[in-house]
Amino acid sequence: MSSNSNGYVVDYRRGTTTYFLPCGENLVLENRSSEAKVSEKFDQPGIGGQIKWAQSNSPDYTYAAFCENMKALGCAGYIVSFPGRRVLYYGRTGETHVEHFPQ
């Protein structure tokens, strides 16, 4: 990772989020504890629906519910790239869903 990279990685299986700082350093934080496990089946349409829910500014949206739902849909984690203006969601066996930042 180059020293001018910014972004972060959420790993639902490890329960961590790693933030990559512009100076090249990184910071790993523990996520909120959860008993939910990552489903084996990667449900790409369901994951897309959760992303739309997160982007909708719906009053019933919570990040905790989003994370639980994503794990149930087989999302093992996601990578956010600010320079690349995208988020890559991935499953346990390498399936992916890419969401580009709005223009």
N, C-alpha and C. Protein backbone atom coordinates (compact mmCIF):
# COMPACT_ATOMS: atom_id res chain seq x y z
N MET A 1 0.86 -1.17 0.00
CA MET A 1 0.00 0.00 0.00
C MET A 1 0.90 1.23 0.00
N SER A 2 0.66 2.14 -0.91
CA SER A 2 1.51 3.33 -1.00
C SER A 2 1.22 4.30 0.14
N SER A 3 2.18 5.18 0.38
CA SER A 3 2.05 6.09 1.51
C SER A 3 0.97 7.15 1.31
N ASN A 4 0.45 7.31 0.08
CA ASN A 4 -0.61 8.29 -0.12
C ASN A 4 -2.00 7.64 -0.17
N SER A 5 -2.10 6.39 0.25
CA SER A 5 -3.39 5.69 0.23
C SER A 5 -4.22 6.04 1.45
N ASN A 6 -5.49 6.13 1.24
CA ASN A 6 -6.46 6.32 2.32
C ASN A 6 -7.57 5.31 2.11
N GLY A 7 -8.02 4.73 3.16
CA GLY A 7 -9.13 3.80 3.09
C GLY A 7 -9.16 2.96 4.34
N TYR A 8 -10.04 1.96 4.31
CA TYR A 8 -10.12 1.06 5.46
C TYR A 8 -10.69 -0.28 5.02
N VAL A 9 -10.47 -1.29 5.86
CA VAL A 9 -10.95 -2.64 5.61
C VAL A 9 -11.73 -3.11 6.83
N VAL A 10 -12.98 -3.53 6.60
CA VAL A 10 -13.79 -4.12 7.65
C VAL A 10 -13.75 -5.63 7.45
N ASP A 11 -13.31 -6.36 8.46
CA ASP A 11 -13.23 -7.82 8.40
C ASP A 11 -14.22 -8.38 9.41
N TYR A 12 -15.36 -8.87 8.91
CA TYR A 12 -16.40 -9.39 9.79
C TYR A 12 -15.97 -10.68 10.49
N ARG A 13 -15.11 -11.48 9.87
CA ARG A 13 -14.70 -12.74 10.48
C ARG A 13 -13.73 -12.52 11.64
N ARG A 14 -12.86 -11.54 11.51
CA ARG A 14 -11.92 -11.22 12.60
C ARG A 14 -12.51 -10.24 13.60
N GLY A 15 -13.54 -9.52 13.18
CA GLY A 15 -14.15 -8.53 14.06
C GLY A 15 -13.29 -7.28 14.21
N THR A 16 -12.63 -6.89 13.10
CA THR A 16 -11.74 -5.72 13.15
C THR A 16 -12.00 -4.79 11.97
N THR A 17 -11.59 -3.55 12.16
CA THR A 17 -11.52 -2.57 11.09
C THR A 17 -10.12 -2.00 11.09
N THR A 18 -9.47 -2.00 9.93
CA THR A 18 -8.12 -1.45 9.78
C THR A 18 -8.21 -0.18 8.95
N TYR A 19 -7.73 0.91 9.52
CA TYR A 19 -7.72 2.20 8.83
C TYR A 19 -6.30 2.45 8.32
N PHE A 20 -6.19 2.82 7.05
CA PHE A 20 -4.90 3.12 6.43
C PHE A 20 -4.76 4.63 6.32
N LEU A 21 -3.75 5.17 6.96
CA LEU A 21 -3.57 6.61 7.08
C LEU A 21 -2.69 7.14 5.95
N PRO A 22 -2.83 8.41 5.60
CA PRO A 22 -2.03 8.99 4.51
C PRO A 22 -0.52 8.88 4.75
N CYS A 23 -0.09 8.84 5.99
CA CYS A 23 1.34 8.77 6.29
C CYS A 23 1.91 7.37 6.10
N GLY A 24 1.06 6.39 5.77
CA GLY A 24 1.52 5.02 5.57
C GLY A 24 1.30 4.12 6.77
N GLU A 25 0.94 4.70 7.89
CA GLU A 25 0.65 3.90 9.08
C GLU A 25 -0.77 3.35 9.00
N ASN A 26 -1.05 2.41 9.89
CA ASN A 26 -2.42 1.88 9.96
C ASN A 26 -2.82 1.73 11.42
N LEU A 27 -4.12 1.66 11.61
CA LEU A 27 -4.70 1.54 12.94
C LEU A 27 -5.76 0.46 12.88
N VAL A 28 -5.62 -0.56 13.74
CA VAL A 28 -6.58 -1.66 13.78
C VAL A 28 -7.43 -1.51 15.04
N LEU A 29 -8.75 -1.50 14.84
CA LEU A 29 -9.68 -1.40 15.96
C LEU A 29 -10.61 -2.60 15.98
N GLU A 30 -11.01 -2.99 17.18
CA GLU A 30 -11.99 -4.07 17.33
C GLU A 30 -13.38 -3.53 16.99
N ASN A 31 -14.17 -4.34 16.29
CA ASN A 31 -15.55 -3.97 15.99
C ASN A 31 -16.43 -4.35 17.17
N ARG A 32 -17.64 -3.85 17.17
CA ARG A 32 -18.63 -4.22 18.18
C ARG A 32 -18.79 -5.74 18.16
N SER A 33 -18.80 -6.38 19.32
CA SER A 33 -18.91 -7.84 19.37
C SER A 33 -20.27 -8.28 18.83
N SER A 34 -20.25 -9.47 18.23
CA SER A 34 -21.45 -10.00 17.60
C SER A 34 -21.36 -11.52 17.58
N GLU A 35 -22.47 -12.16 17.81
CA GLU A 35 -22.52 -13.62 17.74
C GLU A 35 -22.78 -14.10 16.32
N ALA A 36 -23.22 -13.20 15.44
CA ALA A 36 -23.56 -13.59 14.07
C ALA A 36 -22.32 -14.06 13.32
N LYS A 37 -22.50 -15.10 12.53
CA LYS A 37 -21.44 -15.64 11.69
C LYS A 37 -21.69 -15.25 10.24
N VAL A 38 -20.65 -15.25 9.45
CA VAL A 38 -20.77 -14.96 8.02
C VAL A 38 -21.32 -16.19 7.32
N SER A 39 -22.45 -16.02 6.65
CA SER A 39 -23.07 -17.11 5.90
C SER A 39 -22.13 -17.58 4.79
N GLU A 40 -22.24 -18.85 4.44
CA GLU A 40 -21.40 -19.40 3.37
C GLU A 40 -21.81 -18.89 1.99
N LYS A 41 -23.09 -18.64 1.78
CA LYS A 41 -23.59 -18.23 0.47
C LYS A 41 -23.55 -16.70 0.34
N PHE A 42 -22.91 -16.22 -0.71
CA PHE A 42 -22.80 -14.79 -1.00
C PHE A 42 -24.01 -14.37 -1.81
N ASP A 43 -24.91 -13.62 -1.21
CA ASP A 43 -26.15 -13.18 -1.84
C ASP A 43 -25.96 -11.78 -2.40
N GLN A 44 -25.44 -11.69 -3.63
CA GLN A 44 -25.11 -10.39 -4.21
C GLN A 44 -26.32 -9.47 -4.32
N PRO A 45 -27.50 -9.94 -4.78
CA PRO A 45 -28.65 -9.03 -4.82
C PRO A 45 -29.04 -8.53 -3.41
N GLY A 46 -28.97 -9.39 -2.43
CA GLY A 46 -29.29 -8.98 -1.06
C GLY A 46 -28.30 -7.96 -0.53
N ILE A 47 -27.03 -8.16 -0.85
CA ILE A 47 -25.99 -7.21 -0.43
C ILE A 47 -26.23 -5.86 -1.10
N GLY A 48 -26.56 -5.88 -2.39
CA GLY A 48 -26.89 -4.64 -3.09
C GLY A 48 -28.06 -3.92 -2.43
N GLY A 49 -29.05 -4.68 -1.98
CA GLY A 49 -30.20 -4.09 -1.30
C GLY A 49 -29.82 -3.44 0.02
N GLN A 50 -28.91 -4.07 0.76
CA GLN A 50 -28.46 -3.49 2.02
C GLN A 50 -27.69 -2.19 1.78
N ILE A 51 -26.91 -2.16 0.70
CA ILE A 51 -26.17 -0.94 0.37
C ILE A 51 -27.14 0.19 0.03
N LYS A 52 -28.17 -0.13 -0.74
CA LYS A 52 -29.19 0.88 -1.06
C LYS A 52 -29.88 1.38 0.20
N TRP A 53 -30.16 0.47 1.14
CA TRP A 53 -30.77 0.86 2.42
C TRP A 53 -29.84 1.83 3.16
N ALA A 54 -28.54 1.51 3.19
CA ALA A 54 -27.57 2.37 3.88
C ALA A 54 -27.49 3.75 3.24
N GLN A 55 -27.65 3.81 1.92
CA GLN A 55 -27.54 5.08 1.20
C GLN A 55 -28.85 5.88 1.20
N SER A 56 -29.92 5.28 1.67
CA SER A 56 -31.25 5.90 1.56
C SER A 56 -31.56 6.95 2.63
N ASN A 57 -30.72 7.03 3.65
CA ASN A 57 -31.00 7.91 4.79
C ASN A 57 -32.32 7.57 5.48
N SER A 58 -32.69 6.30 5.41
CA SER A 58 -33.92 5.83 6.05
C SER A 58 -33.82 5.97 7.57
N PRO A 59 -34.89 6.41 8.24
CA PRO A 59 -34.83 6.58 9.69
C PRO A 59 -34.66 5.26 10.44
N ASP A 60 -34.96 4.12 9.80
CA ASP A 60 -34.79 2.84 10.48
C ASP A 60 -33.40 2.22 10.29
N TYR A 61 -32.53 2.90 9.52
CA TYR A 61 -31.18 2.37 9.28
C TYR A 61 -30.30 2.50 10.52
N THR A 62 -29.57 1.42 10.82
CA THR A 62 -28.49 1.48 11.81
C THR A 62 -27.30 0.71 11.24
N TYR A 63 -26.12 1.15 11.58
CA TYR A 63 -24.92 0.46 11.10
C TYR A 63 -24.84 -0.94 11.70
N ALA A 64 -25.25 -1.10 12.96
CA ALA A 64 -25.23 -2.43 13.60
C ALA A 64 -26.12 -3.41 12.83
N ALA A 65 -27.32 -2.98 12.46
CA ALA A 65 -28.22 -3.86 11.71
C ALA A 65 -27.64 -4.14 10.32
N PHE A 66 -27.06 -3.13 9.69
CA PHE A 66 -26.42 -3.31 8.39
C PHE A 66 -25.36 -4.40 8.47
N CYS A 67 -24.50 -4.33 9.48
CA CYS A 67 -23.42 -5.32 9.62
C CYS A 67 -23.98 -6.72 9.84
N GLU A 68 -24.96 -6.86 10.71
CA GLU A 68 -25.58 -8.16 10.97
C GLU A 68 -26.20 -8.72 9.70
N ASN A 69 -26.92 -7.88 8.97
CA ASN A 69 -27.56 -8.30 7.72
C ASN A 69 -26.53 -8.70 6.68
N MET A 70 -25.45 -7.94 6.56
CA MET A 70 -24.42 -8.25 5.58
C MET A 70 -23.78 -9.60 5.88
N LYS A 71 -23.52 -9.90 7.14
CA LYS A 71 -22.96 -11.21 7.49
C LYS A 71 -23.93 -12.33 7.13
N ALA A 72 -25.21 -12.13 7.41
CA ALA A 72 -26.22 -13.13 7.08
C ALA A 72 -26.32 -13.35 5.57
N LEU A 73 -25.97 -12.34 4.80
CA LEU A 73 -26.00 -12.42 3.34
C LEU A 73 -24.68 -12.93 2.75
N GLY A 74 -23.75 -13.32 3.60
CA GLY A 74 -22.50 -13.91 3.14
C GLY A 74 -21.37 -12.94 2.89
N CYS A 75 -21.49 -11.71 3.34
CA CYS A 75 -20.41 -10.73 3.19
C CYS A 75 -19.40 -10.94 4.32
N ALA A 76 -18.17 -11.29 3.96
CA ALA A 76 -17.12 -11.51 4.95
C ALA A 76 -16.41 -10.22 5.34
N GLY A 77 -16.58 -9.18 4.52
CA GLY A 77 -15.97 -7.90 4.81
C GLY A 77 -16.01 -6.99 3.60
N TYR A 78 -15.40 -5.83 3.76
CA TYR A 78 -15.34 -4.91 2.63
C TYR A 78 -14.14 -4.00 2.74
N ILE A 79 -13.71 -3.54 1.57
CA ILE A 79 -12.55 -2.66 1.43
C ILE A 79 -13.03 -1.34 0.85
N VAL A 80 -12.73 -0.25 1.55
CA VAL A 80 -13.10 1.08 1.09
C VAL A 80 -11.84 1.77 0.57
N SER A 81 -11.89 2.24 -0.66
CA SER A 81 -10.78 3.00 -1.24
C SER A 81 -11.29 4.40 -1.57
N PHE A 82 -10.81 5.39 -0.82
CA PHE A 82 -11.19 6.77 -1.11
C PHE A 82 -10.58 7.25 -2.42
N PRO A 83 -9.28 6.97 -2.69
CA PRO A 83 -8.73 7.40 -3.98
C PRO A 83 -9.42 6.69 -5.16
N GLY A 84 -9.79 5.43 -4.98
CA GLY A 84 -10.45 4.67 -6.04
C GLY A 84 -11.95 4.91 -6.11
N ARG A 85 -12.47 5.62 -5.10
CA ARG A 85 -13.89 5.99 -5.04
C ARG A 85 -14.81 4.78 -5.20
N ARG A 86 -14.49 3.73 -4.43
CA ARG A 86 -15.30 2.52 -4.50
C ARG A 86 -15.17 1.69 -3.23
N VAL A 87 -16.12 0.78 -3.08
CA VAL A 87 -16.10 -0.18 -1.98
C VAL A 87 -16.23 -1.56 -2.60
N LEU A 88 -15.37 -2.47 -2.19
CA LEU A 88 -15.40 -3.84 -2.66
C LEU A 88 -15.87 -4.73 -1.51
N TYR A 89 -17.04 -5.31 -1.66
CA TYR A 89 -17.60 -6.25 -0.68
C TYR A 89 -17.20 -7.65 -1.13
N TYR A 90 -16.80 -8.51 -0.20
CA TYR A 90 -16.33 -9.84 -0.60
C TYR A 90 -16.91 -10.93 0.30
N GLY A 91 -17.03 -12.12 -0.31
CA GLY A 91 -17.53 -13.29 0.40
C GLY A 91 -16.41 -14.21 0.83
N ARG A 92 -16.79 -15.30 1.47
CA ARG A 92 -15.83 -16.24 2.02
C ARG A 92 -15.00 -16.96 0.95
N THR A 93 -15.53 -17.09 -0.25
CA THR A 93 -14.79 -17.80 -1.30
C THR A 93 -14.39 -16.88 -2.45
N GLY A 94 -14.32 -15.59 -2.17
CA GLY A 94 -13.79 -14.64 -3.15
C GLY A 94 -14.82 -13.95 -4.04
N GLU A 95 -16.11 -14.21 -3.84
CA GLU A 95 -17.12 -13.49 -4.60
C GLU A 95 -17.04 -12.01 -4.23
N THR A 96 -17.40 -11.15 -5.17
CA THR A 96 -17.31 -9.72 -4.90
C THR A 96 -18.51 -8.95 -5.43
N HIS A 97 -18.72 -7.81 -4.85
CA HIS A 97 -19.69 -6.82 -5.33
C HIS A 97 -18.97 -5.46 -5.20
N VAL A 98 -18.89 -4.71 -6.27
CA VAL A 98 -18.22 -3.42 -6.25
C VAL A 98 -19.28 -2.32 -6.30
N GLU A 99 -19.15 -1.38 -5.39
CA GLU A 99 -20.06 -0.23 -5.33
C GLU A 99 -19.21 1.03 -5.52
N HIS A 100 -19.47 1.75 -6.61
CA HIS A 100 -18.74 2.99 -6.88
C HIS A 100 -19.37 4.14 -6.12
N PHE A 101 -18.57 5.07 -5.64
CA PHE A 101 -19.08 6.25 -4.96
C PHE A 101 -19.96 7.05 -5.94
N PRO A 102 -20.99 7.68 -5.43
CA PRO A 102 -21.81 8.54 -6.30
C PRO A 102 -20.96 9.66 -6.91
N GLN A 103 -21.32 10.07 -8.09
CA GLN A 103 -20.59 11.16 -8.77
C GLN A 103 -20.91 12.50 -8.17
